[in-house]
């Protein structure tokens, strides 16, 4: 990652005041306070990959408060913060939840008033994702903000390793590849949150959480032609009949939802200038269609034009 600031070499009297200043310059909505009198150490590194900015913070024991005033000034309500705990401990207090994260855990923090307390030798990696994307798949943010998503979950370990590896190889990626990789990373984050939500949820929310988990699974396996309702139920550990009942209660059919998401994803790619070099057959395969003819039939039935016509219309309509 690219070093942005470090207290190494600074006079102990100046290190923490300068650290606070650099955090403000980075538009981080926190007011930081020291928790002990030991020499303060802090380091800030960043890495821009595709459309996301990854920030790594290493610091001594600090209490950081997210205040309403800071939130109003920075206007970040359209995103949610995803934080990976790499070392040390972090206590997050937001709303009615107070949870502790240790190395390997993941936590989502909303842009609402909160208190974050780091222990000695703390190191965290964080990024921001669109609120709309997470809430469309997982429901209201209040269900999972300040909720410890533990390292004991397979999906959490996978997504943490993925982003650390992505940082390591980022300079070898083309811009298109970087965008694709960060999109995959976002899907893995959604899968991790969904897996955590499945644990110990109140019974009234059970059906909602199962459907959210199903939709998150569909997003991460959309490219697989064999993805179907029985396979989805098996992956979630519920009966096919039960999963069908939960989708029907929400006015949907499982297979219809899978094809809808494939067609929506395909349309987005066709309208994306960065995907223009991709042959339509390749794009169809990436969206889970067995062959180009099948893709063309379903796409025309949905959009009233062929994939090629849709791509050409998007180019003409582009500013």
C-alpha atoms as a PDB file:
ATOM      1  CA  UNK A   1       0.000   0.000   0.000  1.00  0.00           C
ATOM      2  CA  UNK A   2       1.038   3.594  -0.459  1.00  0.00           C
ATOM      3  CA  UNK A   3       2.304   5.173   2.797  1.00  0.00           C
ATOM      4  CA  UNK A   4       0.375   8.368   3.535  1.00  0.00           C
ATOM      5  CA  UNK A   5       1.500   9.295   7.035  1.00  0.00           C
ATOM      6  CA  UNK A   6       3.546   7.875   9.897  1.00  0.00           C
ATOM      7  CA  UNK A   7       4.492   9.188  13.331  1.00  0.00           C
ATOM      8  CA  UNK A   8       7.898   7.501  13.160  1.00  0.00           C
ATOM      9  CA  UNK A   9      10.589  10.139  13.710  1.00  0.00           C
ATOM     10  CA  UNK A  10       8.204  12.734  15.132  1.00  0.00           C
ATOM     11  CA  UNK A  11       8.645  14.290  18.551  1.00  0.00           C
ATOM     12  CA  UNK A  12       6.343  12.462  21.037  1.00  0.00           C
ATOM     13  CA  UNK A  13       4.688  15.761  21.907  1.00  0.00           C
ATOM     14  CA  UNK A  14       3.658  16.330  18.267  1.00  0.00           C
ATOM     15  CA  UNK A  15       2.825  12.820  17.097  1.00  0.00           C
ATOM     16  CA  UNK A  16      -0.801  12.568  18.256  1.00  0.00           C
ATOM     17  CA  UNK A  17      -1.866  16.144  17.316  1.00  0.00           C
ATOM     18  CA  UNK A  18      -0.460  15.601  13.833  1.00  0.00           C
ATOM     19  CA  UNK A  19      -2.167  12.221  13.665  1.00  0.00           C
ATOM     20  CA  UNK A  20      -5.520  13.830  14.438  1.00  0.00           C
ATOM     21  CA  UNK A  21      -4.925  16.436  11.765  1.00  0.00           C
ATOM     22  CA  UNK A  22      -4.177  13.859   9.076  1.00  0.00           C
ATOM     23  CA  UNK A  23      -7.325  11.898   9.933  1.00  0.00           C
ATOM     24  CA  UNK A  24      -9.406  15.045   9.506  1.00  0.00           C
ATOM     25  CA  UNK A  25      -7.736  15.768   6.183  1.00  0.00           C
ATOM     26  CA  UNK A  26      -8.749  12.289   5.016  1.00  0.00           C
ATOM     27  CA  UNK A  27     -12.401  13.142   5.795  1.00  0.00           C
ATOM     28  CA  UNK A  28     -12.689  10.433   8.438  1.00  0.00           C
ATOM     29  CA  UNK A  29     -15.696  11.409  10.586  1.00  0.00           C
ATOM     30  CA  UNK A  30     -14.040  10.840  13.978  1.00  0.00           C
ATOM     31  CA  UNK A  31     -12.802  12.852  16.931  1.00  0.00           C
ATOM     32  CA  UNK A  32      -9.875  10.940  18.435  1.00  0.00           C
ATOM     33  CA  UNK A  33      -8.659  10.946  22.035  1.00  0.00           C
ATOM     34  CA  UNK A  34      -5.653   9.252  23.653  1.00  0.00           C
ATOM     35  CA  UNK A  35      -6.323   6.503  26.193  1.00  0.00           C
ATOM     36  CA  UNK A  36      -2.874   6.257  27.816  1.00  0.00           C
ATOM     37  CA  UNK A  37       0.375   8.175  28.229  1.00  0.00           C
ATOM     38  CA  UNK A  38       2.644   5.818  26.311  1.00  0.00           C
ATOM     39  CA  UNK A  39       4.413   7.211  23.204  1.00  0.00           C
ATOM     40  CA  UNK A  40       1.810   7.357  20.463  1.00  0.00           C
ATOM     41  CA  UNK A  41       2.407   5.473  17.217  1.00  0.00           C
ATOM     42  CA  UNK A  42       0.275   5.731  14.112  1.00  0.00           C
ATOM     43  CA  UNK A  43       0.541   4.849  10.442  1.00  0.00           C
ATOM     44  CA  UNK A  44      -1.859   5.448   7.571  1.00  0.00           C
ATOM     45  CA  UNK A  45      -1.610   3.653   4.208  1.00  0.00           C
ATOM     46  CA  UNK A  46      -3.953   3.698   1.226  1.00  0.00           C
ATOM     47  CA  UNK A  47      -4.487   1.708  -1.960  1.00  0.00           C
ATOM     48  CA  UNK A  48      -6.870   2.582  -4.778  1.00  0.00           C
ATOM     49  CA  UNK A  49      -8.122  -0.492  -6.629  1.00  0.00           C
ATOM     50  CA  UNK A  50     -10.768  -0.067  -9.279  1.00  0.00           C
ATOM     51  CA  UNK A  51     -13.498   2.140  -7.889  1.00  0.00           C
ATOM     52  CA  UNK A  52     -12.715   1.597  -4.202  1.00  0.00           C
ATOM     53  CA  UNK A  53     -10.212   3.112  -1.804  1.00  0.00           C
ATOM     54  CA  UNK A  54      -8.713   0.792   0.803  1.00  0.00           C
ATOM     55  CA  UNK A  55      -7.308   2.449   3.923  1.00  0.00           C
ATOM     56  CA  UNK A  56      -5.144   0.738   6.534  1.00  0.00           C
ATOM     57  CA  UNK A  57      -4.763   2.320   9.958  1.00  0.00           C
ATOM     58  CA  UNK A  58      -2.300   1.165  12.602  1.00  0.00           C
ATOM     59  CA  UNK A  59      -2.397   3.060  15.887  1.00  0.00           C
ATOM     60  CA  UNK A  60      -1.988   2.937  19.649  1.00  0.00           C
ATOM     61  CA  UNK A  61      -4.928   2.883  22.071  1.00  0.00           C
ATOM     62  CA  UNK A  62      -7.412   5.536  20.955  1.00  0.00           C
ATOM     63  CA  UNK A  63     -11.064   6.398  21.558  1.00  0.00           C
ATOM     64  CA  UNK A  64     -12.706   7.726  18.383  1.00  0.00           C
ATOM     65  CA  UNK A  65     -16.160   9.270  18.426  1.00  0.00           C
ATOM     66  CA  UNK A  66     -18.319   9.737  15.349  1.00  0.00           C
ATOM     67  CA  UNK A  67     -20.359  12.842  16.145  1.00  0.00           C
ATOM     68  CA  UNK A  68     -23.559  14.116  14.497  1.00  0.00           C
ATOM     69  CA  UNK A  69     -21.771  17.369  13.620  1.00  0.00           C
ATOM     70  CA  UNK A  70     -19.023  15.563  11.726  1.00  0.00           C
ATOM     71  CA  UNK A  71     -21.566  13.410   9.913  1.00  0.00           C
ATOM     72  CA  UNK A  72     -23.570  16.432   8.800  1.00  0.00           C
ATOM     73  CA  UNK A  73     -20.449  18.115   7.508  1.00  0.00           C
ATOM     74  CA  UNK A  74     -19.110  15.123   5.563  1.00  0.00           C
ATOM     75  CA  UNK A  75     -22.465  13.880   4.179  1.00  0.00           C
ATOM     76  CA  UNK A  76     -21.546  10.206   3.824  1.00  0.00           C
ATOM     77  CA  UNK A  77     -24.946   8.670   4.428  1.00  0.00           C
ATOM     78  CA  UNK A  78     -25.002   6.904   1.054  1.00  0.00           C
ATOM     79  CA  UNK A  79     -22.227   4.462   2.043  1.00  0.00           C
ATOM     80  CA  UNK A  80     -21.449   1.936   4.769  1.00  0.00           C
ATOM     81  CA  UNK A  81     -17.973   1.241   6.158  1.00  0.00           C
ATOM     82  CA  UNK A  82     -16.658  -2.321   6.075  1.00  0.00           C
ATOM     83  CA  UNK A  83     -13.760  -2.811   8.502  1.00  0.00           C
ATOM     84  CA  UNK A  84     -11.401  -5.803   8.628  1.00  0.00           C
ATOM     85  CA  UNK A  85      -9.592  -6.228  11.959  1.00  0.00           C
ATOM     86  CA  UNK A  86      -6.033  -7.245  11.163  1.00  0.00           C
ATOM     87  CA  UNK A  87      -4.430  -6.999  14.620  1.00  0.00           C
ATOM     88  CA  UNK A  88      -5.282  -5.937  18.164  1.00  0.00           C
ATOM     89  CA  UNK A  89      -8.826  -5.281  19.335  1.00  0.00           C
ATOM     90  CA  UNK A  90     -11.626  -2.882  18.475  1.00  0.00           C
ATOM     91  CA  UNK A  91     -14.787  -2.133  20.426  1.00  0.00           C
ATOM     92  CA  UNK A  92     -17.657  -0.633  18.441  1.00  0.00           C
ATOM     93  CA  UNK A  93     -20.635   1.021  20.084  1.00  0.00           C
ATOM     94  CA  UNK A  94     -23.391   2.042  17.678  1.00  0.00           C
ATOM     95  CA  UNK A  95     -27.080   2.226  18.464  1.00  0.00           C
ATOM     96  CA  UNK A  96     -27.911  -0.398  21.058  1.00  0.00           C
ATOM     97  CA  UNK A  97     -25.022  -2.682  20.125  1.00  0.00           C
ATOM     98  CA  UNK A  98     -21.617  -2.849  21.794  1.00  0.00           C
ATOM     99  CA  UNK A  99     -19.361  -5.471  20.233  1.00  0.00           C
ATOM    100  CA  UNK A 100     -15.665  -6.343  20.206  1.00  0.00           C
ATOM    101  CA  UNK A 101     -13.651  -7.352  17.170  1.00  0.00           C
ATOM    102  CA  UNK A 102     -10.385  -9.264  17.211  1.00  0.00           C
ATOM    103  CA  UNK A 103      -7.883 -10.151  14.506  1.00  0.00           C
ATOM    104  CA  UNK A 104      -9.652 -11.784  11.570  1.00  0.00           C
ATOM    105  CA  UNK A 105     -13.102 -10.398  12.377  1.00  0.00           C
ATOM    106  CA  UNK A 106     -15.140  -8.109  10.157  1.00  0.00           C
ATOM    107  CA  UNK A 107     -17.623  -5.394  11.141  1.00  0.00           C
ATOM    108  CA  UNK A 108     -19.920  -3.002   9.260  1.00  0.00           C
ATOM    109  CA  UNK A 109     -20.234   0.537  10.608  1.00  0.00           C
ATOM    110  CA  UNK A 110     -22.967   2.914   9.553  1.00  0.00           C
ATOM    111  CA  UNK A 111     -22.446   6.656   9.147  1.00  0.00           C
ATOM    112  CA  UNK A 112     -24.315   7.312  12.374  1.00  0.00           C
ATOM    113  CA  UNK A 113     -23.062   8.379  15.812  1.00  0.00           C
ATOM    114  CA  UNK A 114     -20.714   5.750  17.199  1.00  0.00           C
ATOM    115  CA  UNK A 115     -17.760   5.205  19.508  1.00  0.00           C
ATOM    116  CA  UNK A 116     -14.781   3.111  18.385  1.00  0.00           C
ATOM    117  CA  UNK A 117     -12.089   2.135  20.882  1.00  0.00           C
ATOM    118  CA  UNK A 118      -8.847   0.478  19.756  1.00  0.00           C
ATOM    119  CA  UNK A 119      -6.508  -1.481  21.991  1.00  0.00           C
ATOM    120  CA  UNK A 120      -2.682  -1.434  21.816  1.00  0.00           C
ATOM    121  CA  UNK A 121      -1.166  -2.477  18.496  1.00  0.00           C
ATOM    122  CA  UNK A 122      -4.426  -2.070  16.625  1.00  0.00           C
ATOM    123  CA  UNK A 123      -4.410  -2.462  12.868  1.00  0.00           C
ATOM    124  CA  UNK A 124      -7.510  -2.236  10.667  1.00  0.00           C
ATOM    125  CA  UNK A 125      -8.279  -2.208   6.956  1.00  0.00           C
ATOM    126  CA  UNK A 126     -11.448  -0.544   5.776  1.00  0.00           C
ATOM    127  CA  UNK A 127     -13.372   0.464   2.689  1.00  0.00           C
ATOM    128  CA  UNK A 128     -16.773   1.940   1.860  1.00  0.00           C
ATOM    129  CA  UNK A 129     -19.528   0.282  -0.144  1.00  0.00           C
ATOM    130  CA  UNK A 130     -22.767   1.789  -1.453  1.00  0.00           C
ATOM    131  CA  UNK A 131     -25.516   1.529   1.158  1.00  0.00           C
ATOM    132  CA  UNK A 132     -28.058   0.749  -1.554  1.00  0.00           C
ATOM    133  CA  UNK A 133     -26.132  -2.298  -2.750  1.00  0.00           C
ATOM    134  CA  UNK A 134     -25.912  -3.855   0.711  1.00  0.00           C
ATOM    135  CA  UNK A 135     -29.448  -3.008   1.761  1.00  0.00           C
ATOM    136  CA  UNK A 136     -30.951  -4.327  -1.474  1.00  0.00           C
ATOM    137  CA  UNK A 137     -29.377  -7.713  -0.764  1.00  0.00           C
ATOM    138  CA  UNK A 138     -29.289  -7.858   3.028  1.00  0.00           C
ATOM    139  CA  UNK A 139     -32.061  -5.616   4.274  1.00  0.00           C
ATOM    140  CA  UNK A 140     -31.825  -2.509   6.501  1.00  0.00           C
ATOM    141  CA  UNK A 141     -28.320  -1.697   7.708  1.00  0.00           C
ATOM    142  CA  UNK A 142     -29.460  -1.715  11.350  1.00  0.00           C
ATOM    143  CA  UNK A 143     -29.673  -5.525  11.135  1.00  0.00           C
ATOM    144  CA  UNK A 144     -25.911  -5.919  10.759  1.00  0.00           C
ATOM    145  CA  UNK A 145     -24.113  -2.699  11.712  1.00  0.00           C
ATOM    146  CA  UNK A 146     -21.801  -3.058  14.728  1.00  0.00           C
ATOM    147  CA  UNK A 147     -22.318  -6.823  14.531  1.00  0.00           C
ATOM    148  CA  UNK A 148     -19.158  -8.905  14.896  1.00  0.00           C
ATOM    149  CA  UNK A 149     -18.745 -11.097  11.816  1.00  0.00           C
ATOM    150  CA  UNK A 150     -16.263 -13.538  13.243  1.00  0.00           C
ATOM    151  CA  UNK A 151     -13.139 -15.076  11.809  1.00  0.00           C
ATOM    152  CA  UNK A 152     -14.635 -18.485  12.637  1.00  0.00           C
ATOM    153  CA  UNK A 153     -16.928 -18.147   9.620  1.00  0.00           C
ATOM    154  CA  UNK A 154     -15.473 -19.514   6.413  1.00  0.00           C
ATOM    155  CA  UNK A 155     -16.749 -16.610   4.330  1.00  0.00           C
ATOM    156  CA  UNK A 156     -15.057 -14.068   6.630  1.00  0.00           C
ATOM    157  CA  UNK A 157     -11.677 -15.757   6.331  1.00  0.00           C
ATOM    158  CA  UNK A 158     -12.117 -15.963   2.563  1.00  0.00           C
ATOM    159  CA  UNK A 159     -12.984 -12.284   2.083  1.00  0.00           C
ATOM    160  CA  UNK A 160     -10.200 -11.065   4.393  1.00  0.00           C
ATOM    161  CA  UNK A 161      -7.613 -13.126   2.527  1.00  0.00           C
ATOM    162  CA  UNK A 162      -9.072 -11.998  -0.804  1.00  0.00           C
ATOM    163  CA  UNK A 163      -8.600  -8.298  -0.088  1.00  0.00           C
ATOM    164  CA  UNK A 164      -5.112  -8.773   1.349  1.00  0.00           C
ATOM    165  CA  UNK A 165      -4.103 -10.679  -1.791  1.00  0.00           C
ATOM    166  CA  UNK A 166      -5.816  -8.067  -3.961  1.00  0.00           C
ATOM    167  CA  UNK A 167      -3.693  -5.335  -2.376  1.00  0.00           C
ATOM    168  CA  UNK A 168      -0.582  -7.375  -3.025  1.00  0.00           C
ATOM    169  CA  UNK A 169      -1.263  -7.902  -6.774  1.00  0.00           C
ATOM    170  CA  UNK A 170      -3.080  -4.644  -7.517  1.00  0.00           C
ATOM    171  CA  UNK A 171      -0.289  -3.207  -9.693  1.00  0.00           C
ATOM    172  CA  UNK A 172      -0.491  -6.240 -11.985  1.00  0.00           C
ATOM    173  CA  UNK A 173      -4.186  -5.706 -12.758  1.00  0.00           C
ATOM    174  CA  UNK A 174      -5.613  -3.831 -15.716  1.00  0.00           C
ATOM    175  CA  UNK A 175      -8.303  -1.241 -14.841  1.00  0.00           C
ATOM    176  CA  UNK A 176     -11.019  -3.620 -16.073  1.00  0.00           C
ATOM    177  CA  UNK A 177      -9.622  -6.504 -14.037  1.00  0.00           C
ATOM    178  CA  UNK A 178      -9.381  -4.285 -10.954  1.00  0.00           C
ATOM    179  CA  UNK A 179     -13.060  -3.348 -11.292  1.00  0.00           C
ATOM    180  CA  UNK A 180     -14.047  -6.983 -11.673  1.00  0.00           C
ATOM    181  CA  UNK A 181     -11.982  -8.039  -8.667  1.00  0.00           C
ATOM    182  CA  UNK A 182     -13.407  -5.358  -6.389  1.00  0.00           C
ATOM    183  CA  UNK A 183     -16.917  -6.345  -7.498  1.00  0.00           C
ATOM    184  CA  UNK A 184     -16.133  -9.934  -6.509  1.00  0.00           C
ATOM    185  CA  UNK A 185     -14.799  -8.655  -3.193  1.00  0.00           C
ATOM    186  CA  UNK A 186     -18.052  -6.812  -2.599  1.00  0.00           C
ATOM    187  CA  UNK A 187     -20.000 -10.015  -3.282  1.00  0.00           C
ATOM    188  CA  UNK A 188     -17.828 -11.887  -0.766  1.00  0.00           C
ATOM    189  CA  UNK A 189     -18.519  -9.222   1.858  1.00  0.00           C
ATOM    190  CA  UNK A 190     -22.253  -9.643   1.247  1.00  0.00           C
ATOM    191  CA  UNK A 191     -21.887 -13.429   1.603  1.00  0.00           C
ATOM    192  CA  UNK A 192     -20.015 -13.005   4.917  1.00  0.00           C
ATOM    193  CA  UNK A 193     -22.689 -10.729   6.354  1.00  0.00           C
ATOM    194  CA  UNK A 194     -25.445 -13.046   5.170  1.00  0.00           C
ATOM    195  CA  UNK A 195     -23.767 -16.049   6.799  1.00  0.00           C
ATOM    196  CA  UNK A 196     -23.501 -14.163  10.082  1.00  0.00           C
ATOM    197  CA  UNK A 197     -27.116 -13.003   9.952  1.00  0.00           C
ATOM    198  CA  UNK A 198     -28.201 -16.625   9.696  1.00  0.00           C
ATOM    199  CA  UNK A 199     -26.936 -17.233  13.240  1.00  0.00           C
ATOM    200  CA  UNK A 200     -29.280 -16.656  16.151  1.00  0.00           C
ATOM    201  CA  UNK A 201     -31.728 -14.411  14.330  1.00  0.00           C
ATOM    202  CA  UNK A 202     -35.131 -13.726  15.925  1.00  0.00           C
ATOM    203  CA  UNK A 203     -37.750 -16.093  14.516  1.00  0.00           C
ATOM    204  CA  UNK A 204     -39.823 -13.303  12.871  1.00  0.00           C
ATOM    205  CA  UNK A 205     -36.756 -12.355  10.841  1.00  0.00           C
ATOM    206  CA  UNK A 206     -35.763 -15.912   9.936  1.00  0.00           C
ATOM    207  CA  UNK A 207     -37.513 -16.033   6.573  1.00  0.00           C
ATOM    208  CA  UNK A 208     -36.172 -12.614   5.568  1.00  0.00           C
ATOM    209  CA  UNK A 209     -32.619 -13.629   6.452  1.00  0.00           C
ATOM    210  CA  UNK A 210     -32.868 -16.905   4.524  1.00  0.00           C
ATOM    211  CA  UNK A 211     -34.076 -15.065   1.404  1.00  0.00           C
ATOM    212  CA  UNK A 212     -31.303 -12.482   1.827  1.00  0.00           C
ATOM    213  CA  UNK A 213     -28.738 -15.275   2.115  1.00  0.00           C
ATOM    214  CA  UNK A 214     -30.200 -16.887  -1.002  1.00  0.00           C
ATOM    215  CA  UNK A 215     -29.949 -13.647  -2.970  1.00  0.00           C
ATOM    216  CA  UNK A 216     -26.383 -13.091  -1.782  1.00  0.00           C
ATOM    217  CA  UNK A 217     -25.481 -16.627  -2.900  1.00  0.00           C
ATOM    218  CA  UNK A 218     -27.069 -16.006  -6.295  1.00  0.00           C
ATOM    219  CA  UNK A 219     -24.953 -12.852  -6.748  1.00  0.00           C
ATOM    220  CA  UNK A 220     -21.692 -14.699  -6.080  1.00  0.00           C
ATOM    221  CA  UNK A 221     -22.586 -17.730  -8.256  1.00  0.00           C
ATOM    222  CA  UNK A 222     -24.439 -15.991 -11.071  1.00  0.00           C
ATOM    223  CA  UNK A 223     -21.776 -17.041 -13.594  1.00  0.00           C
ATOM    224  CA  UNK A 224     -22.465 -20.750 -13.009  1.00  0.00           C
ATOM    225  CA  UNK A 225     -24.851 -22.165 -15.662  1.00  0.00           C
ATOM    226  CA  UNK A 226     -25.853 -24.933 -13.261  1.00  0.00           C
ATOM    227  CA  UNK A 227     -27.187 -22.563 -10.606  1.00  0.00           C
ATOM    228  CA  UNK A 228     -30.814 -23.536  -9.965  1.00  0.00           C
ATOM    229  CA  UNK A 229     -33.404 -23.705  -7.189  1.00  0.00           C
ATOM    230  CA  UNK A 230     -32.463 -27.193  -5.843  1.00  0.00           C
ATOM    231  CA  UNK A 231     -28.754 -26.317  -5.790  1.00  0.00           C
ATOM    232  CA  UNK A 232     -29.481 -23.019  -4.054  1.00  0.00           C
ATOM    233  CA  UNK A 233     -31.551 -24.720  -1.359  1.00  0.00           C
ATOM    234  CA  UNK A 234     -28.806 -27.280  -0.815  1.00  0.00           C
ATOM    235  CA  UNK A 235     -26.154 -24.585  -0.488  1.00  0.00           C
ATOM    236  CA  UNK A 236     -28.236 -22.825   2.180  1.00  0.00           C
ATOM    237  CA  UNK A 237     -29.049 -25.981   4.088  1.00  0.00           C
ATOM    238  CA  UNK A 238     -32.837 -25.624   3.768  1.00  0.00           C
ATOM    239  CA  UNK A 239     -35.385 -27.740   1.949  1.00  0.00           C
ATOM    240  CA  UNK A 240     -36.354 -26.737  -1.558  1.00  0.00           C
ATOM    241  CA  UNK A 241     -40.010 -26.612  -0.529  1.00  0.00           C
ATOM    242  CA  UNK A 242     -39.253 -24.242   2.359  1.00  0.00           C
ATOM    243  CA  UNK A 243     -37.143 -21.953   0.180  1.00  0.00           C
ATOM    244  CA  UNK A 244     -39.881 -21.865  -2.468  1.00  0.00           C
ATOM    245  CA  UNK A 245     -42.432 -20.936   0.202  1.00  0.00           C
ATOM    246  CA  UNK A 246     -40.255 -18.066   1.439  1.00  0.00           C
ATOM    247  CA  UNK A 247     -39.798 -16.676  -2.095  1.00  0.00           C
ATOM    248  CA  UNK A 248     -43.492 -17.110  -2.921  1.00  0.00           C
ATOM    249  CA  UNK A 249     -44.417 -15.193   0.243  1.00  0.00           C
ATOM    250  CA  UNK A 250     -42.474 -12.284  -1.245  1.00  0.00           C
ATOM    251  CA  UNK A 251     -44.141 -12.556  -4.647  1.00  0.00           C
ATOM    252  CA  UNK A 252     -41.194 -14.248  -6.376  1.00  0.00           C
ATOM    253  CA  UNK A 253     -40.194 -17.579  -7.869  1.00  0.00           C
ATOM    254  CA  UNK A 254     -36.621 -18.743  -7.303  1.00  0.00           C
ATOM    255  CA  UNK A 255     -35.889 -19.559 -10.933  1.00  0.00           C
ATOM    256  CA  UNK A 256     -37.467 -16.296 -12.114  1.00  0.00           C
ATOM    257  CA  UNK A 257     -35.260 -14.354  -9.689  1.00  0.00           C
ATOM    258  CA  UNK A 258     -32.092 -16.101 -10.918  1.00  0.00           C
ATOM    259  CA  UNK A 259     -32.891 -15.351 -14.575  1.00  0.00           C
ATOM    260  CA  UNK A 260     -33.883 -11.785 -13.695  1.00  0.00           C
ATOM    261  CA  UNK A 261     -30.528 -11.158 -12.045  1.00  0.00           C
ATOM    262  CA  UNK A 262     -28.660 -12.750 -14.962  1.00  0.00           C
ATOM    263  CA  UNK A 263     -30.471 -10.549 -17.461  1.00  0.00           C
ATOM    264  CA  UNK A 264     -30.007  -7.404 -15.353  1.00  0.00           C
ATOM    265  CA  UNK A 265     -26.301  -8.119 -14.990  1.00  0.00           C
ATOM    266  CA  UNK A 266     -25.964  -8.801 -18.710  1.00  0.00           C
ATOM    267  CA  UNK A 267     -27.748  -5.546 -19.567  1.00  0.00           C
ATOM    268  CA  UNK A 268     -25.446  -3.619 -17.246  1.00  0.00           C
ATOM    269  CA  UNK A 269     -22.387  -5.147 -18.898  1.00  0.00           C
ATOM    270  CA  UNK A 270     -23.706  -4.462 -22.393  1.00  0.00           C
ATOM    271  CA  UNK A 271     -24.177  -0.785 -21.517  1.00  0.00           C
ATOM    272  CA  UNK A 272     -20.769  -0.533 -19.842  1.00  0.00           C
ATOM    273  CA  UNK A 273     -18.121   0.949 -22.200  1.00  0.00           C
ATOM    274  CA  UNK A 274     -15.369  -0.936 -20.363  1.00  0.00           C
ATOM    275  CA  UNK A 275     -17.022  -4.220 -21.416  1.00  0.00           C
ATOM    276  CA  UNK A 276     -17.217  -3.242 -25.092  1.00  0.00           C
ATOM    277  CA  UNK A 277     -14.226  -5.451 -26.072  1.00  0.00           C
ATOM    278  CA  UNK A 278     -16.032  -8.525 -24.715  1.00  0.00           C
ATOM    279  CA  UNK A 279     -17.751 -10.642 -27.345  1.00  0.00           C
ATOM    280  CA  UNK A 280     -21.433 -11.134 -26.623  1.00  0.00           C
ATOM    281  CA  UNK A 281     -20.927 -14.892 -26.318  1.00  0.00           C
ATOM    282  CA  UNK A 282     -18.245 -14.369 -23.661  1.00  0.00           C
ATOM    283  CA  UNK A 283     -20.452 -11.925 -21.813  1.00  0.00           C
ATOM    284  CA  UNK A 284     -23.351 -14.397 -21.921  1.00  0.00           C
ATOM    285  CA  UNK A 285     -21.158 -17.099 -20.423  1.00  0.00           C
ATOM    286  CA  UNK A 286     -19.999 -14.742 -17.652  1.00  0.00           C
ATOM    287  CA  UNK A 287     -23.649 -14.202 -16.695  1.00  0.00           C
ATOM    288  CA  UNK A 288     -24.428 -17.910 -16.471  1.00  0.00           C
ATOM    289  CA  UNK A 289     -26.058 -18.576 -19.860  1.00  0.00           C
ATOM    290  CA  UNK A 290     -25.211 -21.958 -21.369  1.00  0.00           C
ATOM    291  CA  UNK A 291     -24.897 -20.574 -24.906  1.00  0.00           C
ATOM    292  CA  UNK A 292     -25.322 -17.382 -26.912  1.00  0.00           C
ATOM    293  CA  UNK A 293     -28.536 -18.478 -28.613  1.00  0.00           C
ATOM    294  CA  UNK A 294     -30.246 -19.106 -25.289  1.00  0.00           C
ATOM    295  CA  UNK A 295     -29.012 -15.743 -24.033  1.00  0.00           C
ATOM    296  CA  UNK A 296     -30.304 -13.930 -27.138  1.00  0.00           C
ATOM    297  CA  UNK A 297     -33.784 -15.483 -26.826  1.00  0.00           C
ATOM    298  CA  UNK A 298     -34.191 -14.592 -23.166  1.00  0.00           C
ATOM    299  CA  UNK A 299     -32.702 -11.137 -23.602  1.00  0.00           C
ATOM    300  CA  UNK A 300     -35.031 -10.245 -26.496  1.00  0.00           C
ATOM    301  CA  UNK A 301     -38.048 -11.507 -24.528  1.00  0.00           C
ATOM    302  CA  UNK A 302     -37.055  -9.271 -21.611  1.00  0.00           C
ATOM    303  CA  UNK A 303     -35.829  -6.120 -23.370  1.00  0.00           C
ATOM    304  CA  UNK A 304     -37.514  -6.251 -26.761  1.00  0.00           C
ATOM    305  CA  UNK A 305     -34.217  -6.181 -28.671  1.00  0.00           C
ATOM    306  CA  UNK A 306     -31.194  -8.386 -29.225  1.00  0.00           C
ATOM    307  CA  UNK A 307     -28.106  -8.027 -27.026  1.00  0.00           C
ATOM    308  CA  UNK A 308     -26.238  -6.470 -29.971  1.00  0.00           C
ATOM    309  CA  UNK A 309     -29.000  -3.921 -30.559  1.00  0.00           C
ATOM    310  CA  UNK A 310     -29.093  -3.124 -26.844  1.00  0.00           C
ATOM    311  CA  UNK A 311     -25.329  -2.509 -26.802  1.00  0.00           C
ATOM    312  CA  UNK A 312     -25.530  -0.263 -29.875  1.00  0.00           C
ATOM    313  CA  UNK A 313     -28.429   1.714 -28.377  1.00  0.00           C
ATOM    314  CA  UNK A 314     -26.450   2.239 -25.172  1.00  0.00           C
ATOM    315  CA  UNK A 315     -23.505   3.598 -27.181  1.00  0.00           C
ATOM    316  CA  UNK A 316     -25.746   5.995 -29.105  1.00  0.00           C
ATOM    317  CA  UNK A 317     -27.438   7.183 -25.933  1.00  0.00           C
ATOM    318  CA  UNK A 318     -24.161   7.747 -24.064  1.00  0.00           C
ATOM    319  CA  UNK A 319     -23.286  11.430 -23.397  1.00  0.00           C
END
